[in-house]
Structures are given as structure tokens and as C-alpha cells.
Amino acid sequence: MYHQGNRDLQDAFGSRALADRLQQVTRHEAFTPADAAFIAAQSFFFLATADREGRPDCSFKGGPPGFAQVTAPDELIFPDYDGNGMFKSLGNIVANPHVGLLFIAMGEKPARIRVNGVAQVLTGDPRMADMPGAQLLVRVTPTDIFPNCPRYIPDLSAGAASSYTPAEGEAPLEPAWKTFPVFADVVPPRRR
């Protein structure tokens, strides 16, 4: 899950042990029922792709809740709808199938989950018949699934920044998870 660039920064900030613990405790390779329910409840996600040379692209994907769905512990699918015809994301998948998906729930109970995996663009998949407007189907086989700390997610309905957002002259608010016994012994001191 980590490459040398990740490790160099983890070492510089003293967070390698925390990163390893997060990987051990939260990362998984198969979707759980809770993952599937969270993903099905979302009406959008962000899709990161890269072309054959590694040049990145990030796009917004939206639809009715449930348009992205976990269909098996090792499969997530979502429809491709008519767009601007550039096919930046799906063209990248054809050239380089490695993807990252970020699902975010905003509001009273912010949450997010990251899915990294390998994608395929499918044509004529019979499941598209149950997806109004689908012109293609994208299938993702996960390699890394993990929740991500939601502390900086704003409350859009209230028009308010997260209470964790740093502010001049205020002590930063620490998230509760840093005190959980499973993590507390490996949380490094905060750096300014």
C-alpha cells in the first residue's frame, strides 16, 4: 500500500508506525456489507485515473443513490452516462486500469471511504438494462479499501467549515480516533 515516497514522508513526520497500524486495522481487499451500504447511499464520488504515462485526471461521477453499487465482495460497478464526449476517465482506464475512487458523505455525520483497484470498461453488459441512461459500465476490482478520517469535511447544508479546520490563533481540535487504544500508542506528536 505504501511506496518509497509515502515512506519518506512518514519517516519525516514520525508517522510510519501509525500508517502501518491504519493499514493493519482499517484496510481490506474485499467489500464488507457496511462498505456496500455506504457506497449505495451516495449520489456521487470522485474518480482518479491516469493515462499510460501516469498523467493524472480526476472526475466527478454522479447519479441517483445506488448508481455505484457493490455487486460482490470483489466487484463494484457504476454506469457511464452521456457526457462531453472527451472520455478522459474511461479512456485512461482503457490505457491504464488502475483507479482510485473517493466516496464522501457530507452533513451531520461526515464519512468517506477510499477504493483503489483495477477497472474495466464494459460494453453491452446485461446489467446496464437496469441502469437508465447507461452507455457503458465500469467494473472495479478492489485492491485496497479503507475508510478515511472525515474530520475536514465541511457541513455544506449548514454552510460551515469542519470544526477541525485549522484557524489562526486557535488550538487544533484533535479527532477522537487518535485516543483509541488501537492507535494511541503510535500517534506521533502534531507538527506545525
Foldseek 3Di string as FASTA:
>chain_A
DDDPVRVVVCVVQQQPVLVVLQCVPFKDQFDDPVNQVLQQQFFKKKKWFAALVRHIDIDIDGHHRRQWGDPGRFKIKHFDADDPPPCPPVNRLVRPQWMKMKTWDAAPDIWIKIFIFGKDKAAPDPVCVVPPRGRIMMMGGTDIIGIDDRQQGARVVVPGTGQQPDDPPDDGDDDPVCVPPSRVVRDGDDDD
